[in-house]
Amino acid sequence: MEQFTRDGLTFDVIDSGPTDGDVVLLLHGFPQTGSSWSGVSAVLNEHGFRTIAPTQRGYSPGARPRGRRAYRTSELTADAVALVEQLDRGPVHLVGHDWGAAVAWSLAASRPDLVRSFTSVSVPHPGAFISSMTRSRQLLRSWYMFAFQVPRLPEYLIRRFPDRFEAKLSSGGLTPEEAAEIRRDVLETDALTGGMNWYRAMMLGAPRDLKRRVAVPTTHVWSDADFALDRAGAELAADYVTADFRLEVFEGVSHWIPDQRPTELADVILARIASASG
């Protein structure tokens, strides 16, 4: 699979590994594309799994609708549902990082029939995230999410001072090469506004999404050097899973876990898959 479609939008897909292997669906976050999973995919492919890493709404050139309402979590989740259904391989092993994790939590909660196991990376269940704001420094850590609500200005400033944004990515844990890739694929294209619109639509979600629980085996991965996410949210995530739940903490790792520790993250994913399969 190189692409899939939904409602007139065309999404690019990175499909790797044995075509007859069990499918692991990998959902990226901001401001990245499906290529951010290359290190994790390589390990999973070696273990016989087929990995599907879509470049999601707002990032794929053929899937950049205008307006923030097009980026509601319900729409992002429906994109993932369409991909799984078009694969026609039965339920998948689901993995999401950052905003991709938010979509994955929604998918796992609303369509457990499509998910065999779930590994969330960095971002906890939305209910846990909101609860952590009153129990930790999470609200202060999330200042940028509110800054991104301003129309056009964030994009203007980032494009006006791209070197500063790239340096911020590097100081936050990405290599200069990885930061340069984001600059080329996202900052210097229309994908930047699409990525920002995920934040601008976050207030448009249904209140029930904050309470809906996940009934599939779940592992949440958090790193203690994450600049954006407090440990409180990671610990509260267990309250929103009714199946087997595990919390894995990576020490000395930044927010960019798939980039910094792809082998270790793949091992966690494989362990969750094995437990669900067993």
C-alpha atoms as a PDB file:
ATOM      1  CA  MET A   1       0.000   0.000   0.000  1.00  0.00           C
ATOM      2  CA  GLU A   2       1.352   3.415  -1.013  1.00  0.00           C
ATOM      3  CA  GLN A   3      -1.801   5.456  -0.437  1.00  0.00           C
ATOM      4  CA  PHE A   4      -5.328   5.229   0.903  1.00  0.00           C
ATOM      5  CA  THR A   5      -8.320   7.492   0.405  1.00  0.00           C
ATOM      6  CA  ARG A   6     -11.216   8.857   2.433  1.00  0.00           C
ATOM      7  CA  ASP A   7     -13.825  11.478   1.527  1.00  0.00           C
ATOM      8  CA  GLY A   8     -11.847  12.718  -1.458  1.00  0.00           C
ATOM      9  CA  LEU A   9      -8.559  12.967   0.466  1.00  0.00           C
ATOM     10  CA  THR A  10      -5.488  10.921  -0.438  1.00  0.00           C
ATOM     11  CA  PHE A  11      -3.038   9.896   2.276  1.00  0.00           C
ATOM     12  CA  ASP A  12       0.533   8.724   1.701  1.00  0.00           C
ATOM     13  CA  VAL A  13       1.536   5.483   3.418  1.00  0.00           C
ATOM     14  CA  ILE A  14       4.876   3.844   4.199  1.00  0.00           C
ATOM     15  CA  ASP A  15       4.260   0.095   4.015  1.00  0.00           C
ATOM     16  CA  SER A  16       7.233  -2.077   4.988  1.00  0.00           C
ATOM     17  CA  GLY A  17       8.020  -5.590   6.125  1.00  0.00           C
ATOM     18  CA  PRO A  18       6.542  -8.931   5.026  1.00  0.00           C
ATOM     19  CA  THR A  19       3.157  -8.455   3.361  1.00  0.00           C
ATOM     20  CA  ASP A  20       1.782 -11.534   5.110  1.00  0.00           C
ATOM     21  CA  GLY A  21       2.923 -10.419   8.573  1.00  0.00           C
ATOM     22  CA  ASP A  22       0.597  -9.209  11.298  1.00  0.00           C
ATOM     23  CA  VAL A  23      -0.008  -5.487  10.863  1.00  0.00           C
ATOM     24  CA  VAL A  24       1.317  -2.811  13.211  1.00  0.00           C
ATOM     25  CA  LEU A  25      -0.286   0.589  12.540  1.00  0.00           C
ATOM     26  CA  LEU A  26       2.010   3.504  13.473  1.00  0.00           C
ATOM     27  CA  LEU A  27       0.521   7.006  13.893  1.00  0.00           C
ATOM     28  CA  HIS A  28       2.920   9.967  13.999  1.00  0.00           C
ATOM     29  CA  GLY A  29       2.610  13.232  15.876  1.00  0.00           C
ATOM     30  CA  PHE A  30       3.448  16.940  15.449  1.00  0.00           C
ATOM     31  CA  PRO A  31       5.336  18.125  13.479  1.00  0.00           C
ATOM     32  CA  GLN A  32       6.399  14.886  11.774  1.00  0.00           C
ATOM     33  CA  THR A  33       5.330  12.457   9.042  1.00  0.00           C
ATOM     34  CA  GLY A  34       5.135   8.698   8.672  1.00  0.00           C
ATOM     35  CA  SER A  35       8.894   8.597   8.085  1.00  0.00           C
ATOM     36  CA  SER A  36       9.469   9.324  11.793  1.00  0.00           C
ATOM     37  CA  TRP A  37       8.758   5.625  12.449  1.00  0.00           C
ATOM     38  CA  SER A  38      11.576   4.314  10.227  1.00  0.00           C
ATOM     39  CA  GLY A  39      13.776   3.144  13.108  1.00  0.00           C
ATOM     40  CA  VAL A  40      10.935   1.414  14.949  1.00  0.00           C
ATOM     41  CA  SER A  41       9.604  -0.124  11.736  1.00  0.00           C
ATOM     42  CA  ALA A  42      12.971  -1.638  10.890  1.00  0.00           C
ATOM     43  CA  VAL A  43      13.039  -3.598  14.157  1.00  0.00           C
ATOM     44  CA  LEU A  44       9.410  -4.700  13.878  1.00  0.00           C
ATOM     45  CA  ASN A  45       9.975  -5.807  10.278  1.00  0.00           C
ATOM     46  CA  GLU A  46      12.925  -7.939  11.376  1.00  0.00           C
ATOM     47  CA  HIS A  47      10.540  -9.724  13.746  1.00  0.00           C
ATOM     48  CA  GLY A  48       8.128 -10.530  10.931  1.00  0.00           C
ATOM     49  CA  PHE A  49       5.619  -7.713  11.329  1.00  0.00           C
ATOM     50  CA  ARG A  50       4.255  -5.580   8.530  1.00  0.00           C
ATOM     51  CA  THR A  51       4.271  -1.902   9.501  1.00  0.00           C
ATOM     52  CA  ILE A  52       1.892   0.688   8.087  1.00  0.00           C
ATOM     53  CA  ALA A  53       2.888   4.303   8.795  1.00  0.00           C
ATOM     54  CA  PRO A  54       0.500   6.827   7.210  1.00  0.00           C
ATOM     55  CA  THR A  55       1.330  10.490   6.836  1.00  0.00           C
ATOM     56  CA  GLN A  56      -1.812  11.862   8.411  1.00  0.00           C
ATOM     57  CA  ARG A  57      -4.376  14.564   7.676  1.00  0.00           C
ATOM     58  CA  GLY A  58      -2.801  17.968   7.162  1.00  0.00           C
ATOM     59  CA  TYR A  59       0.604  16.461   6.422  1.00  0.00           C
ATOM     60  CA  SER A  60      -0.017  14.374   3.287  1.00  0.00           C
ATOM     61  CA  PRO A  61      -0.058  16.667   0.211  1.00  0.00           C
ATOM     62  CA  GLY A  62      -3.357  15.146  -0.945  1.00  0.00           C
ATOM     63  CA  ALA A  63      -5.041  15.459   2.454  1.00  0.00           C
ATOM     64  CA  ARG A  64      -4.827  19.082   3.581  1.00  0.00           C
ATOM     65  CA  PRO A  65      -8.391  20.369   3.988  1.00  0.00           C
ATOM     66  CA  ARG A  66      -8.937  23.948   5.061  1.00  0.00           C
ATOM     67  CA  GLY A  67     -10.419  25.038   8.373  1.00  0.00           C
ATOM     68  CA  ARG A  68      -9.954  23.707  11.866  1.00  0.00           C
ATOM     69  CA  ARG A  69     -13.226  21.709  11.955  1.00  0.00           C
ATOM     70  CA  ALA A  70     -11.722  19.300   9.428  1.00  0.00           C
ATOM     71  CA  TYR A  71      -9.149  18.369  12.095  1.00  0.00           C
ATOM     72  CA  ARG A  72     -11.478  17.290  14.883  1.00  0.00           C
ATOM     73  CA  THR A  73     -10.432  14.077  16.618  1.00  0.00           C
ATOM     74  CA  SER A  74     -13.495  12.359  15.174  1.00  0.00           C
ATOM     75  CA  GLU A  75     -12.229  13.060  11.651  1.00  0.00           C
ATOM     76  CA  LEU A  76      -8.671  11.998  12.450  1.00  0.00           C
ATOM     77  CA  THR A  77      -9.980   8.788  13.982  1.00  0.00           C
ATOM     78  CA  ALA A  78     -12.204   8.112  10.989  1.00  0.00           C
ATOM     79  CA  ASP A  79      -9.114   8.389   8.768  1.00  0.00           C
ATOM     80  CA  ALA A  80      -7.417   5.652  10.772  1.00  0.00           C
ATOM     81  CA  VAL A  81     -10.558   3.491  10.668  1.00  0.00           C
ATOM     82  CA  ALA A  82     -10.685   3.857   6.882  1.00  0.00           C
ATOM     83  CA  LEU A  83      -7.050   2.786   6.599  1.00  0.00           C
ATOM     84  CA  VAL A  84      -7.559  -0.340   8.715  1.00  0.00           C
ATOM     85  CA  GLU A  85     -10.675  -1.261   6.766  1.00  0.00           C
ATOM     86  CA  GLN A  86      -8.954  -0.762   3.410  1.00  0.00           C
ATOM     87  CA  LEU A  87      -6.089  -2.955   4.539  1.00  0.00           C
ATOM     88  CA  ASP A  88      -8.691  -5.678   5.132  1.00  0.00           C
ATOM     89  CA  ARG A  89      -6.348  -7.669   7.364  1.00  0.00           C
ATOM     90  CA  GLY A  90      -8.457  -7.795  10.486  1.00  0.00           C
ATOM     91  CA  PRO A  91      -7.585  -6.026  13.754  1.00  0.00           C
ATOM     92  CA  VAL A  92      -4.156  -4.391  13.974  1.00  0.00           C
ATOM     93  CA  HIS A  93      -1.579  -3.756  16.656  1.00  0.00           C
ATOM     94  CA  LEU A  94      -1.893  -0.017  17.227  1.00  0.00           C
ATOM     95  CA  VAL A  95       0.898   2.415  18.152  1.00  0.00           C
ATOM     96  CA  GLY A  96       0.738   6.214  18.366  1.00  0.00           C
ATOM     97  CA  HIS A  97       3.143   8.967  19.379  1.00  0.00           C
ATOM     98  CA  ASP A  98       2.296  12.518  20.449  1.00  0.00           C
ATOM     99  CA  TRP A  99      -0.859  13.604  18.554  1.00  0.00           C
ATOM    100  CA  GLY A 100      -0.822  10.190  16.900  1.00  0.00           C
ATOM    101  CA  ALA A 101      -1.255   8.742  20.387  1.00  0.00           C
ATOM    102  CA  ALA A 102      -4.314  10.948  20.956  1.00  0.00           C
ATOM    103  CA  VAL A 103      -5.857   9.567  17.767  1.00  0.00           C
ATOM    104  CA  ALA A 104      -4.870   6.038  18.772  1.00  0.00           C
ATOM    105  CA  TRP A 105      -6.555   6.375  22.189  1.00  0.00           C
ATOM    106  CA  SER A 106      -9.727   7.453  20.398  1.00  0.00           C
ATOM    107  CA  LEU A 107      -9.514   4.574  17.917  1.00  0.00           C
ATOM    108  CA  ALA A 108      -8.835   1.961  20.602  1.00  0.00           C
ATOM    109  CA  ALA A 109     -11.732   3.230  22.738  1.00  0.00           C
ATOM    110  CA  SER A 110     -14.297   3.613  19.960  1.00  0.00           C
ATOM    111  CA  ARG A 111     -13.412   0.634  17.742  1.00  0.00           C
ATOM    112  CA  PRO A 112     -11.880  -2.137  19.874  1.00  0.00           C
ATOM    113  CA  ASP A 113     -12.902  -4.574  17.149  1.00  0.00           C
ATOM    114  CA  LEU A 114     -10.151  -3.095  14.982  1.00  0.00           C
ATOM    115  CA  VAL A 115      -7.387  -3.204  17.624  1.00  0.00           C
ATOM    116  CA  ARG A 116      -5.551  -6.263  18.987  1.00  0.00           C
ATOM    117  CA  SER A 117      -3.077  -4.395  21.185  1.00  0.00           C
ATOM    118  CA  PHE A 118      -2.287  -0.755  21.854  1.00  0.00           C
ATOM    119  CA  THR A 119       0.945   1.057  22.701  1.00  0.00           C
ATOM    120  CA  SER A 120       0.693   4.801  23.333  1.00  0.00           C
ATOM    121  CA  VAL A 121       3.858   6.880  23.366  1.00  0.00           C
ATOM    122  CA  SER A 122       4.260  10.154  25.311  1.00  0.00           C
ATOM    123  CA  VAL A 123       0.620  11.360  25.236  1.00  0.00           C
ATOM    124  CA  PRO A 124      -1.777   9.644  27.694  1.00  0.00           C
ATOM    125  CA  HIS A 125      -5.530   9.201  27.441  1.00  0.00           C
ATOM    126  CA  PRO A 126      -7.160  12.651  26.972  1.00  0.00           C
ATOM    127  CA  GLY A 127      -9.008  12.275  30.263  1.00  0.00           C
ATOM    128  CA  ALA A 128      -5.737  11.573  32.058  1.00  0.00           C
ATOM    129  CA  PHE A 129      -4.129  14.542  30.317  1.00  0.00           C
ATOM    130  CA  ILE A 130      -6.857  16.952  31.432  1.00  0.00           C
ATOM    131  CA  SER A 131      -6.839  15.563  34.981  1.00  0.00           C
ATOM    132  CA  SER A 132      -3.069  15.985  35.195  1.00  0.00           C
ATOM    133  CA  MET A 133      -3.443  19.728  34.632  1.00  0.00           C
ATOM    134  CA  THR A 134      -4.906  20.113  38.116  1.00  0.00           C
ATOM    135  CA  ARG A 135      -2.468  17.715  39.796  1.00  0.00           C
ATOM    136  CA  SER A 136       0.889  18.716  38.338  1.00  0.00           C
ATOM    137  CA  ARG A 137       2.723  21.314  36.287  1.00  0.00           C
ATOM    138  CA  GLN A 138       1.074  20.045  33.103  1.00  0.00           C
ATOM    139  CA  LEU A 139      -0.848  23.267  32.481  1.00  0.00           C
ATOM    140  CA  LEU A 140       2.408  25.243  32.464  1.00  0.00           C
ATOM    141  CA  ARG A 141       4.069  22.658  30.226  1.00  0.00           C
ATOM    142  CA  SER A 142       1.194  23.025  27.758  1.00  0.00           C
ATOM    143  CA  TRP A 143       1.548  26.784  27.193  1.00  0.00           C
ATOM    144  CA  TYR A 144       2.401  26.308  23.519  1.00  0.00           C
ATOM    145  CA  MET A 145      -0.899  24.507  22.861  1.00  0.00           C
ATOM    146  CA  PHE A 146      -2.741  27.692  23.743  1.00  0.00           C
ATOM    147  CA  ALA A 147      -0.307  29.866  21.767  1.00  0.00           C
ATOM    148  CA  PHE A 148      -1.010  27.749  18.679  1.00  0.00           C
ATOM    149  CA  GLN A 149      -4.711  28.723  18.862  1.00  0.00           C
ATOM    150  CA  VAL A 150      -3.935  32.131  17.331  1.00  0.00           C
ATOM    151  CA  PRO A 151      -4.703  32.013  13.591  1.00  0.00           C
ATOM    152  CA  ARG A 152      -1.792  32.399  11.147  1.00  0.00           C
ATOM    153  CA  LEU A 153       0.624  34.041  13.597  1.00  0.00           C
ATOM    154  CA  PRO A 154       2.442  30.873  14.748  1.00  0.00           C
ATOM    155  CA  GLU A 155       3.020  29.796  11.137  1.00  0.00           C
ATOM    156  CA  TYR A 156       4.264  33.260  10.237  1.00  0.00           C
ATOM    157  CA  LEU A 157       6.751  33.352  13.101  1.00  0.00           C
ATOM    158  CA  ILE A 158       8.042  29.834  12.437  1.00  0.00           C
ATOM    159  CA  ARG A 159       8.515  30.538   8.739  1.00  0.00           C
ATOM    160  CA  ARG A 160      10.037  33.932   9.539  1.00  0.00           C
ATOM    161  CA  PHE A 161      12.555  32.374  11.941  1.00  0.00           C
ATOM    162  CA  PRO A 162      12.953  28.739  10.790  1.00  0.00           C
ATOM    163  CA  ASP A 163      16.470  28.433  12.173  1.00  0.00           C
ATOM    164  CA  ARG A 164      15.202  29.145  15.684  1.00  0.00           C
ATOM    165  CA  PHE A 165      12.458  26.552  15.413  1.00  0.00           C
ATOM    166  CA  GLU A 166      14.865  23.989  14.011  1.00  0.00           C
ATOM    167  CA  ALA A 167      17.299  24.747  16.847  1.00  0.00           C
ATOM    168  CA  LYS A 168      14.445  24.299  19.355  1.00  0.00           C
ATOM    169  CA  LEU A 169      13.718  20.858  17.919  1.00  0.00           C
ATOM    170  CA  SER A 170      17.385  19.922  18.161  1.00  0.00           C
ATOM    171  CA  SER A 171      17.715  21.177  21.726  1.00  0.00           C
ATOM    172  CA  GLY A 172      14.612  19.157  22.590  1.00  0.00           C
ATOM    173  CA  GLY A 173      16.212  15.863  21.629  1.00  0.00           C
ATOM    174  CA  LEU A 174      16.175  15.497  17.836  1.00  0.00           C
ATOM    175  CA  THR A 175      19.387  15.241  15.851  1.00  0.00           C
ATOM    176  CA  PRO A 176      20.216  18.128  13.476  1.00  0.00           C
ATOM    177  CA  GLU A 177      19.421  15.788  10.576  1.00  0.00           C
ATOM    178  CA  GLU A 178      15.989  14.931  11.988  1.00  0.00           C
ATOM    179  CA  ALA A 179      15.225  18.599  12.644  1.00  0.00           C
ATOM    180  CA  ALA A 180      16.300  19.467   9.083  1.00  0.00           C
ATOM    181  CA  GLU A 181      13.922  16.793   7.747  1.00  0.00           C
ATOM    182  CA  ILE A 182      11.023  18.356   9.650  1.00  0.00           C
ATOM    183  CA  ARG A 183      11.973  21.776   8.294  1.00  0.00           C
ATOM    184  CA  ARG A 184      11.981  20.438   4.726  1.00  0.00           C
ATOM    185  CA  ASP A 185       8.830  18.286   4.927  1.00  0.00           C
ATOM    186  CA  VAL A 186       6.641  20.353   7.259  1.00  0.00           C
ATOM    187  CA  LEU A 187       7.880  23.858   8.015  1.00  0.00           C
ATOM    188  CA  GLU A 188       8.562  24.758   4.381  1.00  0.00           C
ATOM    189  CA  THR A 189       5.293  23.302   3.067  1.00  0.00           C
ATOM    190  CA  ASP A 190       1.562  23.759   3.612  1.00  0.00           C
ATOM    191  CA  ALA A 191       1.754  20.912   6.131  1.00  0.00           C
ATOM    192  CA  LEU A 192       2.616  23.394   8.877  1.00  0.00           C
ATOM    193  CA  THR A 193      -0.872  24.905   8.942  1.00  0.00           C
ATOM    194  CA  GLY A 194      -2.401  21.445   8.791  1.00  0.00           C
ATOM    195  CA  GLY A 195      -0.356  20.373  11.807  1.00  0.00           C
ATOM    196  CA  MET A 196      -1.339  23.516  13.710  1.00  0.00           C
ATOM    197  CA  ASN A 197      -4.988  22.834  12.988  1.00  0.00           C
ATOM    198  CA  TRP A 198      -4.836  19.653  15.085  1.00  0.00           C
ATOM    199  CA  TYR A 199      -4.278  21.958  18.080  1.00  0.00           C
ATOM    200  CA  ARG A 200      -6.902  24.471  16.951  1.00  0.00           C
ATOM    201  CA  ALA A 201      -9.533  21.759  16.738  1.00  0.00           C
ATOM    202  CA  MET A 202      -8.797  20.157  20.102  1.00  0.00           C
ATOM    203  CA  MET A 203     -11.537  22.157  21.841  1.00  0.00           C
ATOM    204  CA  LEU A 204     -14.116  20.814  19.363  1.00  0.00           C
ATOM    205  CA  GLY A 205     -14.063  17.255  20.683  1.00  0.00           C
ATOM    206  CA  ALA A 206     -17.015  15.601  22.356  1.00  0.00           C
ATOM    207  CA  PRO A 207     -16.920  15.628  26.206  1.00  0.00           C
ATOM    208  CA  ARG A 208     -17.561  11.866  26.230  1.00  0.00           C
ATOM    209  CA  ASP A 209     -14.120  11.336  24.681  1.00  0.00           C
ATOM    210  CA  LEU A 210     -12.580  12.344  28.012  1.00  0.00           C
ATOM    211  CA  LYS A 211     -14.367   9.492  29.806  1.00  0.00           C
ATOM    212  CA  ARG A 212     -14.431   6.697  27.231  1.00  0.00           C
ATOM    213  CA  ARG A 213     -12.216   3.826  28.357  1.00  0.00           C
ATOM    214  CA  VAL A 214     -10.045   1.414  26.395  1.00  0.00           C
ATOM    215  CA  ALA A 215     -10.835  -2.301  26.614  1.00  0.00           C
ATOM    216  CA  VAL A 216      -7.813  -3.719  24.761  1.00  0.00           C
ATOM    217  CA  PRO A 217      -4.387  -4.612  26.274  1.00  0.00           C
ATOM    218  CA  THR A 218      -2.479  -1.342  26.570  1.00  0.00           C
ATOM    219  CA  THR A 219       1.033  -0.116  27.314  1.00  0.00           C
ATOM    220  CA  HIS A 220       1.787   3.559  27.848  1.00  0.00           C
ATOM    221  CA  VAL A 221       5.350   4.789  27.347  1.00  0.00           C
ATOM    222  CA  TRP A 222       6.554   8.005  28.981  1.00  0.00           C
ATOM    223  CA  SER A 223      10.049   9.511  29.164  1.00  0.00           C
ATOM    224  CA  ASP A 224      11.298  11.489  32.143  1.00  0.00           C
ATOM    225  CA  ALA A 225      13.063  14.158  30.038  1.00  0.00           C
ATOM    226  CA  ASP A 226       9.892  15.030  28.126  1.00  0.00           C
ATOM    227  CA  PHE A 227       9.561  18.815  28.054  1.00  0.00           C
ATOM    228  CA  ALA A 228       5.852  18.715  27.193  1.00  0.00           C
ATOM    229  CA  LEU A 229       4.317  16.018  29.379  1.00  0.00           C
ATOM    230  CA  ASP A 230       4.309  15.507  33.131  1.00  0.00           C
ATOM    231  CA  ARG A 231       4.515  12.084  34.783  1.00  0.00           C
ATOM    232  CA  ALA A 232       1.106  12.614  36.405  1.00  0.00           C
ATOM    233  CA  GLY A 233      -0.702  12.073  33.115  1.00  0.00           C
ATOM    234  CA  ALA A 234       1.232   8.876  32.458  1.00  0.00           C
ATOM    235  CA  GLU A 235       0.264   7.462  35.845  1.00  0.00           C
ATOM    236  CA  LEU A 236      -3.382   8.503  35.485  1.00  0.00           C
ATOM    237  CA  ALA A 237      -3.645   6.711  32.130  1.00  0.00           C
ATOM    238  CA  ALA A 238      -4.235   3.423  33.944  1.00  0.00           C
ATOM    239  CA  ASP A 239      -7.604   4.738  35.141  1.00  0.00           C
ATOM    240  CA  TYR A 240      -8.847   4.790  31.552  1.00  0.00           C
ATOM    241  CA  VAL A 241      -8.001   1.200  30.600  1.00  0.00           C
ATOM    242  CA  THR A 242     -10.177  -1.731  31.641  1.00  0.00           C
ATOM    243  CA  ALA A 243      -7.853  -4.385  30.157  1.00  0.00           C
ATOM    244  CA  ASP A 244      -4.265  -5.257  31.084  1.00  0.00           C
ATOM    245  CA  PHE A 245      -2.232  -2.037  31.440  1.00  0.00           C
ATOM    246  CA  ARG A 246       1.483  -1.385  31.770  1.00  0.00           C
ATOM    247  CA  LEU A 247       3.424   1.845  32.238  1.00  0.00           C
ATOM    248  CA  GLU A 248       6.948   1.917  30.820  1.00  0.00           C
ATOM    249  CA  VAL A 249       9.263   4.798  31.782  1.00  0.00           C
ATOM    250  CA  PHE A 250      12.302   5.620  29.638  1.00  0.00           C
ATOM    251  CA  GLU A 251      14.908   7.454  31.683  1.00  0.00           C
ATOM    252  CA  GLY A 252      16.997  10.248  30.204  1.00  0.00           C
ATOM    253  CA  VAL A 253      14.967  10.333  26.989  1.00  0.00           C
ATOM    254  CA  SER A 254      13.215  13.384  25.562  1.00  0.00           C
ATOM    255  CA  HIS A 255       9.766  13.673  24.020  1.00  0.00           C
ATOM    256  CA  TRP A 256      11.024  12.186  20.752  1.00  0.00           C
ATOM    257  CA  ILE A 257      11.062   8.556  21.886  1.00  0.00           C
ATOM    258  CA  PRO A 258      10.618   6.912  18.455  1.00  0.00           C
ATOM    259  CA  ASP A 259      13.587   8.895  17.139  1.00  0.00           C
ATOM    260  CA  GLN A 260      15.870   8.618  20.163  1.00  0.00           C
ATOM    261  CA  ARG A 261      15.167   5.050  21.290  1.00  0.00           C
ATOM    262  CA  PRO A 262      13.641   3.147  18.352  1.00  0.00           C
ATOM    263  CA  THR A 263      15.009  -0.257  19.352  1.00  0.00           C
ATOM    264  CA  GLU A 264      13.920   0.005  22.981  1.00  0.00           C
ATOM    265  CA  LEU A 265      10.485   1.274  21.943  1.00  0.00           C
ATOM    266  CA  ALA A 266      10.124  -1.556  19.436  1.00  0.00           C
ATOM    267  CA  ASP A 267      10.949  -4.018  22.218  1.00  0.00           C
ATOM    268  CA  VAL A 268       8.127  -2.572  24.342  1.00  0.00           C
ATOM    269  CA  ILE A 269       5.722  -2.818  21.401  1.00  0.00           C
ATOM    270  CA  LEU A 270       6.768  -6.430  20.774  1.00  0.00           C
ATOM    271  CA  ALA A 271       6.233  -7.283  24.448  1.00  0.00           C
ATOM    272  CA  ARG A 272       2.721  -5.807  24.337  1.00  0.00           C
ATOM    273  CA  ILE A 273       1.963  -7.708  21.127  1.00  0.00           C
ATOM    274  CA  ALA A 274       3.218 -10.945  22.649  1.00  0.00           C
ATOM    275  CA  SER A 275       1.105 -10.531  25.779  1.00  0.00           C
ATOM    276  CA  ALA A 276      -2.010  -9.808  23.731  1.00  0.00           C
ATOM    277  CA  SER A 277      -1.351 -12.727  21.388  1.00  0.00           C
ATOM    278  CA  GLY A 278      -0.583 -15.082  24.250  1.00  0.00           C
END
